[in-house]
C-alpha atoms as a PDB file:
ATOM      1  CA  UNK A   1      48.593  52.511  -9.503  1.00  0.00           C
ATOM      2  CA  UNK A   2      49.387  55.923 -10.087  1.00  0.00           C
ATOM      3  CA  UNK A   3      51.653  56.784 -13.548  1.00  0.00           C
ATOM      4  CA  UNK A   4      55.046  57.490 -12.490  1.00  0.00           C
ATOM      5  CA  UNK A   5      56.329  61.289 -13.371  1.00  0.00           C
ATOM      6  CA  UNK A   6      58.539  62.257 -16.209  1.00  0.00           C
ATOM      7  CA  UNK A   7      62.084  61.682 -15.143  1.00  0.00           C
ATOM      8  CA  UNK A   8      63.600  64.449 -16.542  1.00  0.00           C
ATOM      9  CA  UNK A   9      60.534  66.724 -14.702  1.00  0.00           C
ATOM     10  CA  UNK A  10      61.544  65.358 -11.538  1.00  0.00           C
ATOM     11  CA  UNK A  11      65.186  66.297 -11.871  1.00  0.00           C
ATOM     12  CA  UNK A  12      63.931  69.353 -13.467  1.00  0.00           C
ATOM     13  CA  UNK A  13      66.211  69.127 -16.775  1.00  0.00           C
ATOM     14  CA  UNK A  14      65.330  68.720 -20.343  1.00  0.00           C
ATOM     15  CA  UNK A  15      65.813  66.036 -22.617  1.00  0.00           C
ATOM     16  CA  UNK A  16      69.287  67.626 -24.049  1.00  0.00           C
ATOM     17  CA  UNK A  17      71.063  67.860 -20.584  1.00  0.00           C
ATOM     18  CA  UNK A  18      74.328  67.032 -20.083  1.00  0.00           C
ATOM     19  CA  UNK A  19      75.902  64.127 -17.680  1.00  0.00           C
ATOM     20  CA  UNK A  20      77.534  67.261 -15.372  1.00  0.00           C
ATOM     21  CA  UNK A  21      73.694  68.809 -15.729  1.00  0.00           C
ATOM     22  CA  UNK A  22      72.346  65.578 -14.714  1.00  0.00           C
ATOM     23  CA  UNK A  23      74.899  64.706 -11.981  1.00  0.00           C
ATOM     24  CA  UNK A  24      74.060  68.783 -10.878  1.00  0.00           C
ATOM     25  CA  UNK A  25      70.285  68.363 -10.554  1.00  0.00           C
ATOM     26  CA  UNK A  26      70.262  65.534  -8.780  1.00  0.00           C
ATOM     27  CA  UNK A  27      72.689  66.608  -5.789  1.00  0.00           C
ATOM     28  CA  UNK A  28      71.039  69.434  -5.574  1.00  0.00           C
ATOM     29  CA  UNK A  29      67.601  67.756  -5.411  1.00  0.00           C
ATOM     30  CA  UNK A  30      69.093  65.247  -3.005  1.00  0.00           C
ATOM     31  CA  UNK A  31      70.624  67.491  -0.346  1.00  0.00           C
ATOM     32  CA  UNK A  32      67.370  69.128  -0.591  1.00  0.00           C
ATOM     33  CA  UNK A  33      65.190  66.070   0.059  1.00  0.00           C
ATOM     34  CA  UNK A  34      66.935  63.500   1.808  1.00  0.00           C
ATOM     35  CA  UNK A  35      64.867  62.227   4.737  1.00  0.00           C
ATOM     36  CA  UNK A  36      67.468  62.955   7.221  1.00  0.00           C
ATOM     37  CA  UNK A  37      67.716  66.771   6.461  1.00  0.00           C
ATOM     38  CA  UNK A  38      63.510  67.430   4.928  1.00  0.00           C
ATOM     39  CA  UNK A  39      61.285  66.098   7.933  1.00  0.00           C
ATOM     40  CA  UNK A  40      57.756  67.063   5.553  1.00  0.00           C
ATOM     41  CA  UNK A  41      55.515  64.218   4.992  1.00  0.00           C
ATOM     42  CA  UNK A  42      56.230  62.226   2.055  1.00  0.00           C
ATOM     43  CA  UNK A  43      60.374  63.063   1.877  1.00  0.00           C
ATOM     44  CA  UNK A  44      60.936  59.499   1.937  1.00  0.00           C
ATOM     45  CA  UNK A  45      59.151  59.122  -1.070  1.00  0.00           C
ATOM     46  CA  UNK A  46      60.166  62.221  -2.933  1.00  0.00           C
ATOM     47  CA  UNK A  47      63.762  61.062  -2.530  1.00  0.00           C
ATOM     48  CA  UNK A  48      63.056  57.806  -3.941  1.00  0.00           C
ATOM     49  CA  UNK A  49      61.682  59.329  -6.760  1.00  0.00           C
ATOM     50  CA  UNK A  50      64.753  61.652  -7.370  1.00  0.00           C
ATOM     51  CA  UNK A  51      67.167  58.562  -7.094  1.00  0.00           C
ATOM     52  CA  UNK A  52      65.453  56.631  -9.184  1.00  0.00           C
ATOM     53  CA  UNK A  53      65.126  59.378 -12.112  1.00  0.00           C
ATOM     54  CA  UNK A  54      68.782  59.777 -11.869  1.00  0.00           C
ATOM     55  CA  UNK A  55      69.801  56.214 -11.699  1.00  0.00           C
ATOM     56  CA  UNK A  56      67.978  55.971 -15.138  1.00  0.00           C
ATOM     57  CA  UNK A  57      68.856  59.340 -17.112  1.00  0.00           C
ATOM     58  CA  UNK A  58      72.946  58.748 -15.570  1.00  0.00           C
ATOM     59  CA  UNK A  59      72.966  55.459 -17.819  1.00  0.00           C
ATOM     60  CA  UNK A  60      73.309  56.282 -21.298  1.00  0.00           C
ATOM     61  CA  UNK A  61      71.501  52.244 -21.988  1.00  0.00           C
ATOM     62  CA  UNK A  62      68.792  53.408 -19.324  1.00  0.00           C
ATOM     63  CA  UNK A  63      68.442  56.643 -20.798  1.00  0.00           C
ATOM     64  CA  UNK A  64      68.096  55.393 -24.266  1.00  0.00           C
ATOM     65  CA  UNK A  65      65.366  53.327 -23.632  1.00  0.00           C
ATOM     66  CA  UNK A  66      63.570  55.869 -21.907  1.00  0.00           C
ATOM     67  CA  UNK A  67      63.899  58.131 -24.308  1.00  0.00           C
ATOM     68  CA  UNK A  68      62.747  56.055 -26.454  1.00  0.00           C
ATOM     69  CA  UNK A  69      59.756  53.709 -24.903  1.00  0.00           C
ATOM     70  CA  UNK A  70      58.843  56.238 -21.562  1.00  0.00           C
ATOM     71  CA  UNK A  71      58.289  54.196 -18.325  1.00  0.00           C
ATOM     72  CA  UNK A  72      57.096  50.908 -20.179  1.00  0.00           C
ATOM     73  CA  UNK A  73      60.878  50.049 -20.617  1.00  0.00           C
ATOM     74  CA  UNK A  74      61.002  49.578 -17.221  1.00  0.00           C
ATOM     75  CA  UNK A  75      57.600  48.414 -16.283  1.00  0.00           C
ATOM     76  CA  UNK A  76      57.389  44.610 -15.619  1.00  0.00           C
ATOM     77  CA  UNK A  77      54.784  42.537 -16.988  1.00  0.00           C
ATOM     78  CA  UNK A  78      53.706  39.310 -18.821  1.00  0.00           C
ATOM     79  CA  UNK A  79      55.481  37.959 -21.949  1.00  0.00           C
ATOM     80  CA  UNK A  80      53.927  39.937 -24.699  1.00  0.00           C
ATOM     81  CA  UNK A  81      52.909  42.703 -22.981  1.00  0.00           C
ATOM     82  CA  UNK A  82      53.530  46.450 -23.738  1.00  0.00           C
ATOM     83  CA  UNK A  83      57.424  47.712 -23.654  1.00  0.00           C
ATOM     84  CA  UNK A  84      60.632  47.021 -25.780  1.00  0.00           C
ATOM     85  CA  UNK A  85      61.118  43.543 -24.525  1.00  0.00           C
ATOM     86  CA  UNK A  86      57.196  42.635 -23.455  1.00  0.00           C
ATOM     87  CA  UNK A  87      57.355  44.568 -20.117  1.00  0.00           C
ATOM     88  CA  UNK A  88      59.857  43.352 -18.883  1.00  0.00           C
ATOM     89  CA  UNK A  89      62.505  45.650 -17.309  1.00  0.00           C
ATOM     90  CA  UNK A  90      65.976  44.292 -19.283  1.00  0.00           C
ATOM     91  CA  UNK A  91      67.858  47.700 -17.520  1.00  0.00           C
ATOM     92  CA  UNK A  92      66.839  47.276 -13.788  1.00  0.00           C
ATOM     93  CA  UNK A  93      68.017  45.180 -11.194  1.00  0.00           C
ATOM     94  CA  UNK A  94      65.055  42.959 -10.856  1.00  0.00           C
ATOM     95  CA  UNK A  95      63.269  45.755  -8.937  1.00  0.00           C
ATOM     96  CA  UNK A  96      65.906  46.709  -5.997  1.00  0.00           C
ATOM     97  CA  UNK A  97      67.798  49.865  -5.957  1.00  0.00           C
ATOM     98  CA  UNK A  98      71.410  49.543  -7.334  1.00  0.00           C
ATOM     99  CA  UNK A  99      74.536  50.817  -5.209  1.00  0.00           C
ATOM    100  CA  UNK A 100      76.466  54.023  -7.070  1.00  0.00           C
ATOM    101  CA  UNK A 101      79.895  54.563  -7.073  1.00  0.00           C
ATOM    102  CA  UNK A 102      81.585  57.373  -7.110  1.00  0.00           C
ATOM    103  CA  UNK A 103      85.609  57.779  -7.887  1.00  0.00           C
ATOM    104  CA  UNK A 104      87.599  58.041  -4.782  1.00  0.00           C
ATOM    105  CA  UNK A 105      90.802  60.196  -4.347  1.00  0.00           C
ATOM    106  CA  UNK A 106      92.664  57.405  -2.258  1.00  0.00           C
ATOM    107  CA  UNK A 107      94.267  55.501  -5.616  1.00  0.00           C
ATOM    108  CA  UNK A 108      93.598  52.022  -6.466  1.00  0.00           C
ATOM    109  CA  UNK A 109      94.909  49.322  -3.806  1.00  0.00           C
ATOM    110  CA  UNK A 110      93.946  46.438  -5.645  1.00  0.00           C
ATOM    111  CA  UNK A 111      96.412  47.309  -8.878  1.00  0.00           C
ATOM    112  CA  UNK A 112      96.320  45.936 -11.964  1.00  0.00           C
ATOM    113  CA  UNK A 113      93.101  43.052 -11.027  1.00  0.00           C
ATOM    114  CA  UNK A 114      90.645  46.370 -10.334  1.00  0.00           C
ATOM    115  CA  UNK A 115      89.809  47.872 -13.041  1.00  0.00           C
ATOM    116  CA  UNK A 116      89.295  50.743 -11.128  1.00  0.00           C
ATOM    117  CA  UNK A 117      89.309  51.892  -7.136  1.00  0.00           C
ATOM    118  CA  UNK A 118      86.142  53.496  -6.041  1.00  0.00           C
ATOM    119  CA  UNK A 119      84.125  54.527  -2.986  1.00  0.00           C
ATOM    120  CA  UNK A 120      80.624  53.898  -3.191  1.00  0.00           C
ATOM    121  CA  UNK A 121      79.859  56.536  -0.316  1.00  0.00           C
ATOM    122  CA  UNK A 122      81.884  59.357  -1.859  1.00  0.00           C
ATOM    123  CA  UNK A 123      78.536  61.287  -3.335  1.00  0.00           C
ATOM    124  CA  UNK A 124      77.069  61.666  -0.139  1.00  0.00           C
ATOM    125  CA  UNK A 125      80.404  63.144   1.461  1.00  0.00           C
ATOM    126  CA  UNK A 126      80.019  65.486  -1.485  1.00  0.00           C
ATOM    127  CA  UNK A 127      76.355  66.132  -1.000  1.00  0.00           C
ATOM    128  CA  UNK A 128      76.366  66.755   2.901  1.00  0.00           C
ATOM    129  CA  UNK A 129      79.791  67.607   3.226  1.00  0.00           C
ATOM    130  CA  UNK A 130      81.026  64.863   5.535  1.00  0.00           C
ATOM    131  CA  UNK A 131      77.973  65.072   7.742  1.00  0.00           C
ATOM    132  CA  UNK A 132      75.416  62.478   6.565  1.00  0.00           C
ATOM    133  CA  UNK A 133      74.690  59.533   8.824  1.00  0.00           C
ATOM    134  CA  UNK A 134      76.299  57.144   5.964  1.00  0.00           C
ATOM    135  CA  UNK A 135      79.730  58.795   6.773  1.00  0.00           C
ATOM    136  CA  UNK A 136      81.455  57.072   9.800  1.00  0.00           C
ATOM    137  CA  UNK A 137      79.174  54.425  10.616  1.00  0.00           C
ATOM    138  CA  UNK A 138      80.198  52.559   7.086  1.00  0.00           C
ATOM    139  CA  UNK A 139      83.634  53.931   7.190  1.00  0.00           C
ATOM    140  CA  UNK A 140      84.841  51.893   9.724  1.00  0.00           C
ATOM    141  CA  UNK A 141      85.032  48.603   7.516  1.00  0.00           C
ATOM    142  CA  UNK A 142      86.706  50.164   3.620  1.00  0.00           C
ATOM    143  CA  UNK A 143      84.304  49.577   0.598  1.00  0.00           C
ATOM    144  CA  UNK A 144      86.085  49.332  -2.302  1.00  0.00           C
ATOM    145  CA  UNK A 145      84.754  48.373  -6.088  1.00  0.00           C
ATOM    146  CA  UNK A 146      85.920  45.507  -8.134  1.00  0.00           C
ATOM    147  CA  UNK A 147      85.428  45.315 -11.804  1.00  0.00           C
ATOM    148  CA  UNK A 148      84.360  42.201 -13.810  1.00  0.00           C
ATOM    149  CA  UNK A 149      83.390  41.056 -17.014  1.00  0.00           C
ATOM    150  CA  UNK A 150      79.799  39.593 -17.790  1.00  0.00           C
ATOM    151  CA  UNK A 151      81.413  36.644 -18.146  1.00  0.00           C
ATOM    152  CA  UNK A 152      83.100  36.416 -14.757  1.00  0.00           C
ATOM    153  CA  UNK A 153      79.885  37.742 -12.942  1.00  0.00           C
ATOM    154  CA  UNK A 154      77.169  35.212 -14.513  1.00  0.00           C
ATOM    155  CA  UNK A 155      80.003  31.992 -14.060  1.00  0.00           C
ATOM    156  CA  UNK A 156      81.843  33.070 -10.892  1.00  0.00           C
ATOM    157  CA  UNK A 157      85.503  33.665 -10.784  1.00  0.00           C
ATOM    158  CA  UNK A 158      88.274  33.690  -8.416  1.00  0.00           C
ATOM    159  CA  UNK A 159      90.662  37.319  -8.324  1.00  0.00           C
ATOM    160  CA  UNK A 160      93.740  37.610  -6.561  1.00  0.00           C
ATOM    161  CA  UNK A 161      94.920  41.077  -5.176  1.00  0.00           C
ATOM    162  CA  UNK A 162      97.007  43.057  -3.343  1.00  0.00           C
ATOM    163  CA  UNK A 163      95.741  45.399  -0.995  1.00  0.00           C
ATOM    164  CA  UNK A 164      97.825  48.325   0.195  1.00  0.00           C
ATOM    165  CA  UNK A 165      96.867  50.073   3.275  1.00  0.00           C
ATOM    166  CA  UNK A 166      98.789  52.650   5.773  1.00  0.00           C
ATOM    167  CA  UNK A 167      99.861  51.935   9.589  1.00  0.00           C
ATOM    168  CA  UNK A 168      99.500  54.048  12.000  1.00  0.00           C
ATOM    169  CA  UNK A 169     103.553  54.984  11.599  1.00  0.00           C
ATOM    170  CA  UNK A 170     102.401  56.291   8.480  1.00  0.00           C
ATOM    171  CA  UNK A 171     104.417  53.194   6.506  1.00  0.00           C
ATOM    172  CA  UNK A 172     102.524  51.133   3.542  1.00  0.00           C
ATOM    173  CA  UNK A 173     101.625  47.856   4.170  1.00  0.00           C
ATOM    174  CA  UNK A 174     100.635  45.050   1.623  1.00  0.00           C
ATOM    175  CA  UNK A 175      98.431  41.911   1.520  1.00  0.00           C
ATOM    176  CA  UNK A 176      97.670  39.641  -1.015  1.00  0.00           C
ATOM    177  CA  UNK A 177      94.282  37.876  -0.425  1.00  0.00           C
ATOM    178  CA  UNK A 178      92.143  36.037  -2.814  1.00  0.00           C
ATOM    179  CA  UNK A 179      88.195  36.717  -3.827  1.00  0.00           C
ATOM    180  CA  UNK A 180      86.028  34.510  -4.326  1.00  0.00           C
ATOM    181  CA  UNK A 181      83.608  35.717  -6.946  1.00  0.00           C
ATOM    182  CA  UNK A 182      80.154  33.603  -6.428  1.00  0.00           C
ATOM    183  CA  UNK A 183      78.239  32.758  -9.651  1.00  0.00           C
ATOM    184  CA  UNK A 184      75.314  35.428 -10.473  1.00  0.00           C
ATOM    185  CA  UNK A 185      76.821  38.659  -8.907  1.00  0.00           C
ATOM    186  CA  UNK A 186      74.914  41.689 -10.790  1.00  0.00           C
ATOM    187  CA  UNK A 187      75.698  45.299 -11.003  1.00  0.00           C
ATOM    188  CA  UNK A 188      76.086  47.147  -7.877  1.00  0.00           C
ATOM    189  CA  UNK A 189      75.839  44.171  -5.333  1.00  0.00           C
ATOM    190  CA  UNK A 190      77.582  44.701  -1.978  1.00  0.00           C
ATOM    191  CA  UNK A 191      79.257  41.452  -0.536  1.00  0.00           C
ATOM    192  CA  UNK A 192      81.762  41.227   2.594  1.00  0.00           C
ATOM    193  CA  UNK A 193      85.427  39.636   2.344  1.00  0.00           C
ATOM    194  CA  UNK A 194      87.250  39.360   5.424  1.00  0.00           C
ATOM    195  CA  UNK A 195      87.398  42.984   7.249  1.00  0.00           C
ATOM    196  CA  UNK A 196      86.376  44.697   3.825  1.00  0.00           C
ATOM    197  CA  UNK A 197      83.260  45.239   1.653  1.00  0.00           C
ATOM    198  CA  UNK A 198      83.295  44.988  -2.377  1.00  0.00           C
ATOM    199  CA  UNK A 199      80.640  46.619  -4.874  1.00  0.00           C
ATOM    200  CA  UNK A 200      80.964  44.614  -8.083  1.00  0.00           C
ATOM    201  CA  UNK A 201      81.018  46.622 -11.671  1.00  0.00           C
ATOM    202  CA  UNK A 202      80.116  44.408 -13.877  1.00  0.00           C
ATOM    203  CA  UNK A 203      80.160  45.032 -17.832  1.00  0.00           C
ATOM    204  CA  UNK A 204      77.687  45.191 -19.862  1.00  0.00           C
ATOM    205  CA  UNK A 205      77.579  42.527 -22.830  1.00  0.00           C
ATOM    206  CA  UNK A 206      76.760  43.884 -26.536  1.00  0.00           C
ATOM    207  CA  UNK A 207      74.742  40.749 -27.233  1.00  0.00           C
ATOM    208  CA  UNK A 208      72.632  40.429 -23.980  1.00  0.00           C
ATOM    209  CA  UNK A 209      70.580  42.813 -21.738  1.00  0.00           C
ATOM    210  CA  UNK A 210      70.636  41.524 -17.890  1.00  0.00           C
ATOM    211  CA  UNK A 211      67.669  42.127 -15.640  1.00  0.00           C
ATOM    212  CA  UNK A 212      68.566  40.503 -11.810  1.00  0.00           C
ATOM    213  CA  UNK A 213      68.743  36.411 -12.663  1.00  0.00           C
ATOM    214  CA  UNK A 214      66.634  36.895 -16.274  1.00  0.00           C
ATOM    215  CA  UNK A 215      68.814  37.589 -19.330  1.00  0.00           C
ATOM    216  CA  UNK A 216      66.873  39.399 -22.584  1.00  0.00           C
ATOM    217  CA  UNK A 217      68.543  38.971 -26.068  1.00  0.00           C
ATOM    218  CA  UNK A 218      66.607  39.228 -29.568  1.00  0.00           C
ATOM    219  CA  UNK A 219      66.046  37.706 -33.084  1.00  0.00           C
ATOM    220  CA  UNK A 220      65.074  38.870 -36.732  1.00  0.00           C
ATOM    221  CA  UNK A 221      62.879  37.070 -38.777  1.00  0.00           C
ATOM    222  CA  UNK A 222      60.962  37.490 -41.895  1.00  0.00           C
ATOM    223  CA  UNK A 223      57.159  37.608 -42.429  1.00  0.00           C
ATOM    224  CA  UNK A 224      57.182  33.924 -43.657  1.00  0.00           C
ATOM    225  CA  UNK A 225      58.984  32.522 -40.628  1.00  0.00           C
ATOM    226  CA  UNK A 226      56.607  34.758 -38.192  1.00  0.00           C
ATOM    227  CA  UNK A 227      53.596  33.504 -40.380  1.00  0.00           C
ATOM    228  CA  UNK A 228      54.627  29.867 -40.829  1.00  0.00           C
ATOM    229  CA  UNK A 229      56.855  29.410 -37.224  1.00  0.00           C
ATOM    230  CA  UNK A 230      60.443  28.499 -37.260  1.00  0.00           C
ATOM    231  CA  UNK A 231      63.359  26.945 -35.106  1.00  0.00           C
ATOM    232  CA  UNK A 232      66.243  29.075 -34.621  1.00  0.00           C
ATOM    233  CA  UNK A 233      69.872  28.664 -32.821  1.00  0.00           C
ATOM    234  CA  UNK A 234      70.172  31.639 -30.407  1.00  0.00           C
ATOM    235  CA  UNK A 235      73.110  32.196 -27.814  1.00  0.00           C
ATOM    236  CA  UNK A 236      72.663  32.041 -24.192  1.00  0.00           C
ATOM    237  CA  UNK A 237      74.862  32.517 -20.834  1.00  0.00           C
ATOM    238  CA  UNK A 238      74.631  28.233 -20.764  1.00  0.00           C
ATOM    239  CA  UNK A 239      75.343  28.143 -24.647  1.00  0.00           C
ATOM    240  CA  UNK A 240      73.890  27.625 -27.616  1.00  0.00           C
ATOM    241  CA  UNK A 241      69.786  26.518 -27.250  1.00  0.00           C
ATOM    242  CA  UNK A 242      67.431  25.895 -30.134  1.00  0.00           C
ATOM    243  CA  UNK A 243      64.037  28.353 -29.597  1.00  0.00           C
ATOM    244  CA  UNK A 244      60.737  27.521 -31.305  1.00  0.00           C
ATOM    245  CA  UNK A 245      58.575  30.561 -32.752  1.00  0.00           C
ATOM    246  CA  UNK A 246      55.166  29.265 -32.833  1.00  0.00           C
ATOM    247  CA  UNK A 247      53.172  30.291 -36.002  1.00  0.00           C
ATOM    248  CA  UNK A 248      51.610  33.826 -35.967  1.00  0.00           C
ATOM    249  CA  UNK A 249      53.666  34.692 -33.636  1.00  0.00           C
ATOM    250  CA  UNK A 250      53.585  38.947 -33.436  1.00  0.00           C
ATOM    251  CA  UNK A 251      56.307  41.210 -33.799  1.00  0.00           C
ATOM    252  CA  UNK A 252      57.450  42.270 -30.572  1.00  0.00           C
ATOM    253  CA  UNK A 253      56.664  38.668 -28.698  1.00  0.00           C
ATOM    254  CA  UNK A 254      58.805  37.112 -26.362  1.00  0.00           C
ATOM    255  CA  UNK A 255      59.747  33.540 -26.149  1.00  0.00           C
ATOM    256  CA  UNK A 256      60.345  32.126 -22.740  1.00  0.00           C
ATOM    257  CA  UNK A 257      63.380  29.809 -22.503  1.00  0.00           C
ATOM    258  CA  UNK A 258      62.996  28.442 -18.661  1.00  0.00           C
ATOM    259  CA  UNK A 259      65.945  27.831 -16.796  1.00  0.00           C
ATOM    260  CA  UNK A 260      68.441  29.327 -19.098  1.00  0.00           C
ATOM    261  CA  UNK A 261      69.362  32.377 -17.361  1.00  0.00           C
ATOM    262  CA  UNK A 262      71.820  33.536 -14.804  1.00  0.00           C
ATOM    263  CA  UNK A 263      72.549  31.317 -11.651  1.00  0.00           C
ATOM    264  CA  UNK A 264      70.609  33.193  -8.435  1.00  0.00           C
ATOM    265  CA  UNK A 265      72.409  34.405  -6.361  1.00  0.00           C
ATOM    266  CA  UNK A 266      72.080  33.043  -2.783  1.00  0.00           C
ATOM    267  CA  UNK A 267      70.053  30.253  -3.562  1.00  0.00           C
ATOM    268  CA  UNK A 268      69.349  27.550  -5.854  1.00  0.00           C
ATOM    269  CA  UNK A 269      68.044  27.738  -9.440  1.00  0.00           C
ATOM    270  CA  UNK A 270      68.335  29.802 -12.783  1.00  0.00           C
ATOM    271  CA  UNK A 271      66.476  32.912 -14.010  1.00  0.00           C
ATOM    272  CA  UNK A 272      65.078  32.282 -17.441  1.00  0.00           C
ATOM    273  CA  UNK A 273      65.988  33.648 -21.169  1.00  0.00           C
ATOM    274  CA  UNK A 274      63.649  36.085 -23.053  1.00  0.00           C
ATOM    275  CA  UNK A 275      64.268  36.246 -26.730  1.00  0.00           C
ATOM    276  CA  UNK A 276      62.378  38.945 -28.767  1.00  0.00           C
ATOM    277  CA  UNK A 277      60.986  38.277 -31.899  1.00  0.00           C
ATOM    278  CA  UNK A 278      61.775  41.307 -34.435  1.00  0.00           C
ATOM    279  CA  UNK A 279      60.433  41.475 -37.795  1.00  0.00           C
ATOM    280  CA  UNK A 280      62.448  42.134 -41.045  1.00  0.00           C
ATOM    281  CA  UNK A 281      60.891  43.884 -43.682  1.00  0.00           C
ATOM    282  CA  UNK A 282      62.104  43.797 -47.212  1.00  0.00           C
ATOM    283  CA  UNK A 283      64.261  46.741 -47.928  1.00  0.00           C
ATOM    284  CA  UNK A 284      64.779  45.574 -51.811  1.00  0.00           C
ATOM    285  CA  UNK A 285      62.326  42.671 -52.669  1.00  0.00           C
ATOM    286  CA  UNK A 286      62.997  41.197 -56.298  1.00  0.00           C
ATOM    287  CA  UNK A 287      60.260  41.060 -59.084  1.00  0.00           C
ATOM    288  CA  UNK A 288      58.804  37.780 -58.261  1.00  0.00           C
ATOM    289  CA  UNK A 289      58.722  38.470 -54.107  1.00  0.00           C
ATOM    290  CA  UNK A 290      56.899  41.908 -55.513  1.00  0.00           C
ATOM    291  CA  UNK A 291      54.288  39.350 -57.399  1.00  0.00           C
ATOM    292  CA  UNK A 292      54.001  36.790 -54.074  1.00  0.00           C
ATOM    293  CA  UNK A 293      53.112  39.795 -52.080  1.00  0.00           C
ATOM    294  CA  UNK A 294      50.752  41.044 -53.927  1.00  0.00           C
ATOM    295  CA  UNK A 295      49.181  37.743 -54.175  1.00  0.00           C
ATOM    296  CA  UNK A 296      49.099  38.048 -50.787  1.00  0.00           C
ATOM    297  CA  UNK A 297      47.725  41.154 -50.233  1.00  0.00           C
ATOM    298  CA  UNK A 298      44.871  40.215 -52.622  1.00  0.00           C
ATOM    299  CA  UNK A 299      43.911  37.311 -50.828  1.00  0.00           C
ATOM    300  CA  UNK A 300      44.126  39.318 -47.643  1.00  0.00           C
ATOM    301  CA  UNK A 301      41.577  41.755 -49.398  1.00  0.00           C
ATOM    302  CA  UNK A 302      39.367  39.264 -50.029  1.00  0.00           C
ATOM    303  CA  UNK A 303      39.065  37.846 -46.470  1.00  0.00           C
ATOM    304  CA  UNK A 304      39.103  41.323 -45.476  1.00  0.00           C
ATOM    305  CA  UNK A 305      42.343  41.369 -43.205  1.00  0.00           C
ATOM    306  CA  UNK A 306      46.070  41.334 -43.482  1.00  0.00           C
ATOM    307  CA  UNK A 307      47.982  37.859 -42.573  1.00  0.00           C
END
């Protein structure tokens, strides 16, 4: 498989580009290379490459991971493979494309229960001036955005909201309805409820990183615990569980907790939880600790290796 181009190179920007510059570069290239406009061979792949670059660089968390680890931060591999989480993609959407949402000028018809009323097709209107093939076809059924907490998305929730619409005669009509959100929806998931579509905007969790139905977290252990192995309690979306770190575990390895991830939307079962094992190096070891490390150093020198 050919290596992917640098995302900054794809958008024609530098690493110091501001959010506005990133968005401006994307809009310019998207307008030029959209398959409905660019009829050249490879236009669809070019547009996909541009969209993928923007998806990463427009998100501060994904951008930070990309700046630190490069493409390895998003290429899935087995446990213990390369990348900041053993080759897994802790930031993506399970390999799929997220739905982007953009602020609408129409206000929030859902009231306080919604974190914001946004129109996912606003960007296409701005790019194509209302001439996009996405326009009339999708706008026949209103599309809104519903903000959820991380836990609400994981476990499901019922929201009671008030929808505000305008009659043909210009009068405002309000209708209350309940939105039953199933367990396992993700950021960008789009679902239909009655005569409207809702795109979910899921808040991040400071402890967990989600990739589809899988969850990633980290623990920090010391050198003896890595060498000898140990048992730790960790938080998962299903509660606290014990995880065994085997002897001679290498720093950066992933320990898999099968079935301890997110409910799989639309199917049975759960994803998995992966715990990344980080090494804590003593910053100010005591005199006794230094002596012990010196003994280990001498022993390892005799064995012509390091423990």
